[in-house]
Structures are given as C-alpha cells and as structure tokens.
Amino acid sequence: MEQQFDAVLTGSDTDVNGIVTGNNEIYEFNALDESLQLTIAKDANGHWARIAGSEPYFSGWVDQLAEQIQAETK
C-alpha cells in the first residue's frame, strides 16, 4: 500500500521540505521547490541505502529520511 507524508531534510543553508511517497520497499522524497529528489530502499542486509536521486546530495540525508519513514510507518 502506498503511503505519503511530509518530511524535512537538513540542507546546507536551510531545511528542505518535501513529500515522501512509497511503500515498505522503496521511498521517494521530492522537495516542494523541486530542488531535491532522493529515493532510498533497504539493501540485502536491511540497511537503508540511496538508490537514486539528484546531485549533489548529503549522505546524512539517507539516515534522516530513514528515521522519518520509520516514525511514520510504526
């Protein structure tokens, strides 16, 4: 079942507000201002990993997004 919720990632200058859509396998963050796109999924070991997205990106965004996904899917 597809889910959708608001999320915020910490940018270099300001926070990046966006919408996350996804399910239990793949989640995609799209910034409201279209400045950032990030898609993450769990790897074979169960760790969240970036599978697609815009450049440049901060590696910490994967962890930030994963925390928000876990909070929303409890």
Protein backbone atom coordinates (compact mmCIF):
# COMPACT_ATOMS: atom_id res chain seq x y z
CA MET A 1 0.00 0.00 0.00
CA GLU A 2 1.42 3.37 -1.00
CA GLN A 3 1.95 5.95 1.72
CA GLN A 4 2.51 9.69 1.52
CA PHE A 5 3.69 12.07 4.23
CA ASP A 6 5.56 15.34 4.76
CA ALA A 7 9.27 15.21 5.56
CA VAL A 8 12.13 17.65 6.15
CA LEU A 9 15.82 17.14 5.34
CA THR A 10 18.60 19.39 6.61
CA GLY A 11 20.13 21.34 3.73
CA SER A 12 23.42 23.24 3.66
CA ASP A 13 21.68 26.61 4.07
CA THR A 14 18.10 25.82 5.06
CA ASP A 15 15.84 22.87 5.65
CA VAL A 16 14.40 21.16 2.58
CA ASN A 17 10.66 20.48 2.89
CA GLY A 18 9.13 17.76 0.80
CA ILE A 19 6.74 14.89 0.34
CA VAL A 20 7.65 11.23 0.71
CA THR A 21 5.79 8.60 -1.25
CA GLY A 22 6.43 4.91 -1.04
CA ASN A 23 5.71 1.56 0.45
CA ASN A 24 7.60 -0.96 2.56
CA GLU A 25 10.26 -1.37 -0.10
CA ILE A 26 11.07 1.95 -1.83
CA TYR A 27 10.57 5.53 -0.63
CA GLU A 28 10.99 8.68 -2.70
CA PHE A 29 11.46 12.19 -1.27
CA ASN A 30 10.60 15.11 -3.56
CA ALA A 31 11.32 18.65 -2.38
CA LEU A 32 8.40 21.06 -2.63
CA ASP A 33 10.64 23.54 -4.50
CA GLU A 34 11.87 20.73 -6.81
CA SER A 35 15.47 21.27 -5.67
CA LEU A 36 15.98 17.71 -4.42
CA GLN A 37 14.86 14.18 -5.17
CA LEU A 38 16.05 11.18 -3.16
CA THR A 39 14.98 7.54 -3.40
CA ILE A 40 16.01 5.05 -0.73
CA ALA A 41 15.36 1.37 -0.04
CA LYS A 42 16.69 -1.31 2.28
CA ASP A 43 19.60 -3.34 0.94
CA ALA A 44 20.06 -7.11 1.30
CA ASN A 45 21.35 -6.59 4.85
CA GLY A 46 18.37 -4.48 5.89
CA HIS A 47 20.25 -1.17 5.87
CA TRP A 48 18.78 1.91 4.19
CA ALA A 49 20.67 2.93 1.04
CA ARG A 50 20.31 5.58 -1.65
CA ILE A 51 19.22 4.02 -4.94
CA ALA A 52 18.57 7.20 -6.97
CA GLY A 53 18.36 10.94 -6.66
CA SER A 54 19.58 14.34 -7.64
CA GLU A 55 23.15 15.55 -7.25
CA PRO A 56 24.73 16.82 -5.12
CA TYR A 57 23.35 15.17 -2.03
CA PHE A 58 24.43 14.74 1.60
CA SER A 59 25.00 11.18 2.74
CA GLY A 60 23.29 12.04 6.05
CA TRP A 61 20.00 12.50 4.19
CA VAL A 62 19.58 8.74 3.90
CA ASP A 63 19.65 8.41 7.71
CA GLN A 64 17.38 11.43 8.20
CA LEU A 65 14.85 10.12 5.73
CA ALA A 66 15.01 6.58 7.12
CA GLU A 67 14.26 7.90 10.64
CA GLN A 68 11.21 9.78 9.36
CA ILE A 69 10.00 6.73 7.42
CA GLN A 70 10.30 4.53 10.48
CA ALA A 71 8.41 7.09 12.59
CA GLU A 72 5.60 7.30 10.03
CA THR A 73 5.27 3.56 9.47
CA LYS A 74 5.05 2.45 13.12
